[in-house]
Structure formats: C-alpha cells, structure tokens
Amino acid sequence: MDLMKALANQYMKENAPQVSVGDTVRVHVKIKEGSRERIQVFEGTVIAKKHGGLEETITVRRLSYGVGCEKVFPLHSPLLEKIEVVRHGKVRRAKLYYLRSRLGKAAKVKEKV
C-alpha cells in the first residue's frame, strides 16, 4: 500500500487550488491543436467535487447561449495550467445537480461574505 501512496504523491501537484462546491471558477486548460498548443479558459460554477487524492475531480457548469455545458476536470492533471476562484458561493449541499434544471436568476448561487 505504501508503494501506491508513493506513486500517487509523485504525480500530485504541490499547490493544488482550494476550490469548494458553489464557487465560480476560471479554469485555464492547455489545448493541443496539431503542433500548436494554446490555453483555453472555461468559467463556470463548481457543482460537484468527487474522489480524493490523485483522482480528485471537479465538475464545472456554465450556460452559453442558453445551453448548459459541463466539464469534468481532474485537479492534478498536467493539462490544467491554473484555476482562479472568481467568487466563493454560499451553499448548503455537497452536489448542486439541481442547477441543471434551472435557468436565469433561479440558477444563481449566493455569494459568501
């Protein structure tokens, strides 16, 4: 078991971002197109955190042109450049899947003061 922990610690990021459910985040992801590489920004609300350790993931949801789009990002992936927390949300649930059925002001999350 110690061998697995040592292997996992080798690939974990030292300064993993402190992100919680309900936060609005801006995720900078490396995209490779042919021989070129660029950074694409995905901004949205964190609706779920899953697993832990090396396999820890966050699900980020945003609305673009009235269509909901969700992406799952592994926190310790080398393709993640950085994660900025735009605002901290005040929520009472661990998973915000109910936001999928809401639009407009009903889908807003209160800000933590």
N, C-alpha and C. Protein backbone atom coordinates (compact mmCIF):
# COMPACT_ATOMS: atom_id res chain seq x y z
N MET A 1 0.81 -1.19 0.00
CA MET A 1 0.00 0.00 0.00
C MET A 1 0.86 1.26 0.00
N ASP A 2 1.99 1.22 0.70
CA ASP A 2 2.86 2.38 0.73
C ASP A 2 3.44 2.68 -0.64
N LEU A 3 3.61 1.65 -1.44
CA LEU A 3 4.11 1.84 -2.81
C LEU A 3 3.11 2.63 -3.64
N MET A 4 1.81 2.34 -3.47
CA MET A 4 0.77 3.08 -4.20
C MET A 4 0.74 4.54 -3.77
N LYS A 5 0.86 4.80 -2.47
CA LYS A 5 0.86 6.17 -1.96
C LYS A 5 2.06 6.94 -2.48
N ALA A 6 3.21 6.29 -2.53
CA ALA A 6 4.43 6.94 -3.01
C ALA A 6 4.29 7.28 -4.49
N LEU A 7 3.70 6.38 -5.24
CA LEU A 7 3.49 6.63 -6.67
C LEU A 7 2.50 7.76 -6.89
N ALA A 8 1.43 7.80 -6.09
CA ALA A 8 0.43 8.86 -6.21
C ALA A 8 1.02 10.21 -5.83
N ASN A 9 1.82 10.26 -4.77
CA ASN A 9 2.42 11.52 -4.33
C ASN A 9 3.39 12.08 -5.36
N GLN A 10 3.95 11.22 -6.17
CA GLN A 10 4.89 11.66 -7.20
C GLN A 10 4.19 12.53 -8.25
N TYR A 11 2.92 12.23 -8.56
CA TYR A 11 2.20 12.94 -9.61
C TYR A 11 1.26 14.02 -9.10
N MET A 12 1.09 14.13 -7.77
CA MET A 12 0.20 15.14 -7.23
C MET A 12 0.86 16.53 -7.29
N LYS A 13 0.02 17.54 -7.54
CA LYS A 13 0.52 18.91 -7.56
C LYS A 13 0.74 19.39 -6.13
N GLU A 14 1.81 20.16 -5.95
CA GLU A 14 2.13 20.67 -4.62
C GLU A 14 1.14 21.73 -4.17
N ASN A 15 0.84 22.69 -5.07
CA ASN A 15 -0.05 23.80 -4.73
C ASN A 15 -1.40 23.61 -5.42
N ALA A 16 -2.11 22.57 -4.98
CA ALA A 16 -3.43 22.31 -5.54
C ALA A 16 -4.39 23.42 -5.09
N PRO A 17 -5.23 23.91 -5.99
CA PRO A 17 -6.12 25.02 -5.63
C PRO A 17 -7.19 24.61 -4.63
N GLN A 18 -7.53 25.53 -3.74
CA GLN A 18 -8.58 25.30 -2.75
C GLN A 18 -9.91 25.73 -3.36
N VAL A 19 -10.64 24.77 -3.92
CA VAL A 19 -11.91 25.04 -4.59
C VAL A 19 -12.99 24.27 -3.85
N SER A 20 -14.14 24.90 -3.63
CA SER A 20 -15.23 24.21 -2.98
C SER A 20 -16.48 24.31 -3.86
N VAL A 21 -17.48 23.50 -3.55
CA VAL A 21 -18.71 23.47 -4.33
C VAL A 21 -19.44 24.80 -4.15
N GLY A 22 -19.93 25.35 -5.25
CA GLY A 22 -20.62 26.63 -5.24
C GLY A 22 -19.75 27.78 -5.70
N ASP A 23 -18.44 27.58 -5.77
CA ASP A 23 -17.54 28.63 -6.21
C ASP A 23 -17.65 28.84 -7.71
N THR A 24 -17.47 30.08 -8.13
CA THR A 24 -17.35 30.38 -9.56
C THR A 24 -15.85 30.41 -9.87
N VAL A 25 -15.43 29.58 -10.81
CA VAL A 25 -14.01 29.44 -11.09
C VAL A 25 -13.72 29.69 -12.56
N ARG A 26 -12.47 30.03 -12.82
CA ARG A 26 -11.97 30.22 -14.18
C ARG A 26 -10.84 29.21 -14.35
N VAL A 27 -11.07 28.17 -15.18
CA VAL A 27 -10.12 27.09 -15.36
C VAL A 27 -9.34 27.33 -16.66
N HIS A 28 -8.02 27.37 -16.57
CA HIS A 28 -7.15 27.54 -17.74
C HIS A 28 -6.62 26.16 -18.14
N VAL A 29 -7.01 25.71 -19.34
CA VAL A 29 -6.69 24.36 -19.81
C VAL A 29 -5.80 24.46 -21.05
N LYS A 30 -4.78 23.60 -21.10
CA LYS A 30 -3.92 23.53 -22.28
C LYS A 30 -4.62 22.70 -23.35
N ILE A 31 -4.76 23.27 -24.55
CA ILE A 31 -5.38 22.58 -25.68
C ILE A 31 -4.31 22.41 -26.75
N LYS A 32 -4.19 21.19 -27.27
CA LYS A 32 -3.21 20.93 -28.33
C LYS A 32 -3.94 20.77 -29.65
N GLU A 33 -3.61 21.62 -30.61
CA GLU A 33 -4.20 21.56 -31.95
C GLU A 33 -3.07 21.37 -32.96
N GLY A 34 -2.92 20.16 -33.43
CA GLY A 34 -1.83 19.88 -34.36
C GLY A 34 -0.50 20.00 -33.64
N SER A 35 0.37 20.88 -34.14
CA SER A 35 1.66 21.08 -33.50
C SER A 35 1.65 22.27 -32.53
N ARG A 36 0.53 23.02 -32.54
CA ARG A 36 0.45 24.21 -31.69
C ARG A 36 -0.23 23.88 -30.37
N GLU A 37 0.08 24.66 -29.36
CA GLU A 37 -0.55 24.50 -28.06
C GLU A 37 -1.02 25.87 -27.58
N ARG A 38 -2.24 25.92 -27.07
CA ARG A 38 -2.77 27.18 -26.58
C ARG A 38 -3.51 26.93 -25.28
N ILE A 39 -3.89 28.02 -24.60
CA ILE A 39 -4.61 27.91 -23.35
C ILE A 39 -6.03 28.42 -23.56
N GLN A 40 -7.01 27.61 -23.16
CA GLN A 40 -8.41 27.97 -23.28
C GLN A 40 -8.99 28.12 -21.87
N VAL A 41 -9.83 29.14 -21.68
CA VAL A 41 -10.40 29.42 -20.37
C VAL A 41 -11.85 28.95 -20.35
N PHE A 42 -12.22 28.25 -19.28
CA PHE A 42 -13.59 27.77 -19.07
C PHE A 42 -14.04 28.31 -17.73
N GLU A 43 -15.06 29.18 -17.73
CA GLU A 43 -15.53 29.80 -16.50
C GLU A 43 -16.93 29.31 -16.18
N GLY A 44 -17.15 28.90 -14.93
CA GLY A 44 -18.46 28.43 -14.52
C GLY A 44 -18.51 28.14 -13.04
N THR A 45 -19.60 27.52 -12.61
CA THR A 45 -19.84 27.21 -11.21
C THR A 45 -19.48 25.76 -10.93
N VAL A 46 -18.78 25.52 -9.84
CA VAL A 46 -18.43 24.16 -9.44
C VAL A 46 -19.69 23.53 -8.84
N ILE A 47 -20.19 22.46 -9.48
CA ILE A 47 -21.41 21.82 -8.97
C ILE A 47 -21.11 20.50 -8.25
N ALA A 48 -19.88 19.98 -8.37
CA ALA A 48 -19.56 18.73 -7.68
C ALA A 48 -18.05 18.58 -7.52
N LYS A 49 -17.67 17.96 -6.40
CA LYS A 49 -16.29 17.51 -6.17
C LYS A 49 -16.37 16.03 -5.89
N LYS A 50 -15.50 15.25 -6.51
CA LYS A 50 -15.55 13.80 -6.32
C LYS A 50 -14.16 13.25 -6.03
N HIS A 51 -14.16 12.09 -5.42
CA HIS A 51 -12.97 11.29 -5.13
C HIS A 51 -12.04 12.05 -4.18
N GLY A 52 -10.79 11.77 -4.24
CA GLY A 52 -9.82 12.41 -3.38
C GLY A 52 -8.44 11.99 -3.80
N GLY A 53 -7.46 12.69 -3.31
CA GLY A 53 -6.07 12.37 -3.64
C GLY A 53 -5.77 12.65 -5.09
N LEU A 54 -5.14 11.71 -5.75
CA LEU A 54 -4.71 11.90 -7.15
C LEU A 54 -5.89 11.92 -8.11
N GLU A 55 -6.97 11.22 -7.79
CA GLU A 55 -8.13 11.12 -8.69
C GLU A 55 -9.16 12.21 -8.45
N GLU A 56 -8.85 13.23 -7.66
CA GLU A 56 -9.84 14.26 -7.32
C GLU A 56 -10.25 15.05 -8.57
N THR A 57 -11.57 15.21 -8.74
CA THR A 57 -12.10 15.93 -9.89
C THR A 57 -13.13 16.96 -9.44
N ILE A 58 -13.31 17.99 -10.28
CA ILE A 58 -14.38 18.95 -10.06
C ILE A 58 -15.20 19.01 -11.35
N THR A 59 -16.51 19.20 -11.19
CA THR A 59 -17.41 19.37 -12.33
C THR A 59 -17.81 20.83 -12.38
N VAL A 60 -17.54 21.49 -13.51
CA VAL A 60 -17.82 22.91 -13.68
C VAL A 60 -18.92 23.05 -14.72
N ARG A 61 -19.93 23.87 -14.41
CA ARG A 61 -21.08 24.07 -15.29
C ARG A 61 -21.21 25.53 -15.65
N ARG A 62 -21.51 25.79 -16.91
CA ARG A 62 -21.79 27.15 -17.35
C ARG A 62 -22.88 27.12 -18.41
N LEU A 63 -23.54 28.25 -18.58
CA LEU A 63 -24.53 28.41 -19.64
C LEU A 63 -23.91 29.25 -20.75
N SER A 64 -23.97 28.75 -21.97
CA SER A 64 -23.50 29.54 -23.10
C SER A 64 -24.58 29.51 -24.17
N TYR A 65 -25.10 30.69 -24.47
CA TYR A 65 -26.17 30.85 -25.45
C TYR A 65 -27.40 30.02 -25.10
N GLY A 66 -27.71 29.95 -23.79
CA GLY A 66 -28.89 29.24 -23.33
C GLY A 66 -28.76 27.74 -23.23
N VAL A 67 -27.58 27.21 -23.51
CA VAL A 67 -27.35 25.76 -23.45
C VAL A 67 -26.35 25.49 -22.34
N GLY A 68 -26.69 24.56 -21.45
CA GLY A 68 -25.80 24.21 -20.36
C GLY A 68 -24.65 23.34 -20.83
N CYS A 69 -23.46 23.63 -20.32
CA CYS A 69 -22.27 22.87 -20.70
C CYS A 69 -21.52 22.51 -19.42
N GLU A 70 -21.22 21.23 -19.23
CA GLU A 70 -20.49 20.78 -18.05
C GLU A 70 -19.21 20.09 -18.48
N LYS A 71 -18.15 20.35 -17.72
CA LYS A 71 -16.87 19.68 -17.97
C LYS A 71 -16.33 19.19 -16.64
N VAL A 72 -15.71 18.03 -16.70
CA VAL A 72 -15.09 17.43 -15.51
C VAL A 72 -13.58 17.61 -15.65
N PHE A 73 -12.96 18.22 -14.65
CA PHE A 73 -11.53 18.49 -14.67
C PHE A 73 -10.84 17.73 -13.55
N PRO A 74 -9.84 16.89 -13.85
CA PRO A 74 -9.01 16.31 -12.80
C PRO A 74 -8.09 17.39 -12.24
N LEU A 75 -8.09 17.57 -10.91
CA LEU A 75 -7.34 18.67 -10.31
C LEU A 75 -5.83 18.53 -10.46
N HIS A 76 -5.33 17.31 -10.54
CA HIS A 76 -3.89 17.10 -10.60
C HIS A 76 -3.40 16.79 -12.01
N SER A 77 -4.20 17.13 -13.01
CA SER A 77 -3.81 16.89 -14.40
C SER A 77 -2.72 17.87 -14.83
N PRO A 78 -1.75 17.42 -15.60
CA PRO A 78 -0.73 18.34 -16.11
C PRO A 78 -1.28 19.28 -17.19
N LEU A 79 -2.47 19.01 -17.72
CA LEU A 79 -3.07 19.88 -18.72
C LEU A 79 -3.73 21.11 -18.11
N LEU A 80 -3.95 21.11 -16.79
CA LEU A 80 -4.52 22.28 -16.13
C LEU A 80 -3.40 23.26 -15.82
N GLU A 81 -3.50 24.43 -16.42
CA GLU A 81 -2.50 25.47 -16.17
C GLU A 81 -2.72 26.09 -14.79
N LYS A 82 -3.94 26.59 -14.55
CA LYS A 82 -4.26 27.14 -13.24
C LYS A 82 -5.78 27.23 -13.09
N ILE A 83 -6.22 27.37 -11.84
CA ILE A 83 -7.63 27.56 -11.53
C ILE A 83 -7.75 28.80 -10.67
N GLU A 84 -8.49 29.79 -11.18
CA GLU A 84 -8.73 31.02 -10.43
C GLU A 84 -10.12 30.95 -9.81
N VAL A 85 -10.23 31.34 -8.56
CA VAL A 85 -11.53 31.43 -7.91
C VAL A 85 -12.03 32.86 -8.08
N VAL A 86 -13.12 33.03 -8.85
CA VAL A 86 -13.67 34.36 -9.11
C VAL A 86 -14.47 34.82 -7.91
N ARG A 87 -15.35 33.95 -7.39
CA ARG A 87 -16.13 34.27 -6.20
C ARG A 87 -16.48 33.00 -5.45
N HIS A 88 -16.61 33.13 -4.14
CA HIS A 88 -16.96 31.99 -3.29
C HIS A 88 -18.47 31.96 -3.11
N GLY A 89 -19.07 30.81 -3.29
CA GLY A 89 -20.51 30.67 -3.17
C GLY A 89 -20.92 30.12 -1.81
N LYS A 90 -22.09 30.52 -1.35
CA LYS A 90 -22.64 30.04 -0.09
C LYS A 90 -23.71 29.00 -0.42
N VAL A 91 -23.41 27.73 -0.16
CA VAL A 91 -24.34 26.64 -0.49
C VAL A 91 -24.50 25.74 0.72
N ARG A 92 -25.57 24.95 0.71
CA ARG A 92 -25.86 24.02 1.80
C ARG A 92 -25.89 22.58 1.31
N ARG A 93 -25.41 22.33 0.12
CA ARG A 93 -25.41 20.99 -0.47
C ARG A 93 -24.00 20.63 -0.91
N ALA A 94 -23.72 19.34 -0.96
CA ALA A 94 -22.42 18.87 -1.44
C ALA A 94 -22.41 18.76 -2.96
N LYS A 95 -23.58 18.52 -3.55
CA LYS A 95 -23.71 18.42 -5.01
C LYS A 95 -24.83 19.34 -5.45
N LEU A 96 -24.58 20.16 -6.45
CA LEU A 96 -25.56 21.14 -6.91
C LEU A 96 -26.19 20.72 -8.23
N TYR A 97 -26.58 19.46 -8.34
CA TYR A 97 -27.15 18.95 -9.58
C TYR A 97 -28.50 19.59 -9.89
N TYR A 98 -29.16 20.18 -8.88
CA TYR A 98 -30.45 20.81 -9.12
C TYR A 98 -30.33 22.05 -10.00
N LEU A 99 -29.12 22.58 -10.16
CA LEU A 99 -28.93 23.75 -11.03
C LEU A 99 -29.12 23.40 -12.51
N ARG A 100 -29.07 22.11 -12.84
CA ARG A 100 -29.25 21.70 -14.23
C ARG A 100 -30.64 22.03 -14.74
N SER A 101 -31.62 22.02 -13.87
CA SER A 101 -33.00 22.27 -14.31
C SER A 101 -33.40 23.73 -14.14
N ARG A 102 -32.48 24.59 -13.77
CA ARG A 102 -32.81 25.99 -13.55
C ARG A 102 -32.11 26.89 -14.54
N LEU A 103 -32.78 28.00 -14.87
CA LEU A 103 -32.23 28.97 -15.82
C LEU A 103 -32.31 30.37 -15.22
N GLY A 104 -31.48 31.26 -15.72
CA GLY A 104 -31.55 32.66 -15.33
C GLY A 104 -31.23 32.90 -13.87
N LYS A 105 -32.03 33.76 -13.22
CA LYS A 105 -31.78 34.12 -11.83
C LYS A 105 -31.96 32.97 -10.87
N ALA A 106 -32.78 31.98 -11.24
CA ALA A 106 -33.01 30.82 -10.38
C ALA A 106 -31.76 29.95 -10.25
N ALA A 107 -30.84 30.08 -11.20
CA ALA A 107 -29.63 29.28 -11.19
C ALA A 107 -28.47 29.98 -10.49
N LYS A 108 -28.74 31.14 -9.89
CA LYS A 108 -27.67 31.87 -9.21
C LYS A 108 -27.36 31.25 -7.84
N VAL A 109 -26.11 31.38 -7.44
CA VAL A 109 -25.65 30.94 -6.13
C VAL A 109 -25.27 32.17 -5.33
N LYS A 110 -25.74 32.26 -4.09
CA LYS A 110 -25.43 33.42 -3.25
C LYS A 110 -23.93 33.49 -2.99
N GLU A 111 -23.42 34.71 -2.81
CA GLU A 111 -22.00 34.89 -2.57
C GLU A 111 -21.71 34.89 -1.08
N LYS A 112 -20.59 34.25 -0.71
CA LYS A 112 -20.18 34.20 0.67
C LYS A 112 -19.55 35.55 1.02
N VAL A 113 -19.97 36.14 2.13
CA VAL A 113 -19.47 37.47 2.50
C VAL A 113 -18.35 37.35 3.51
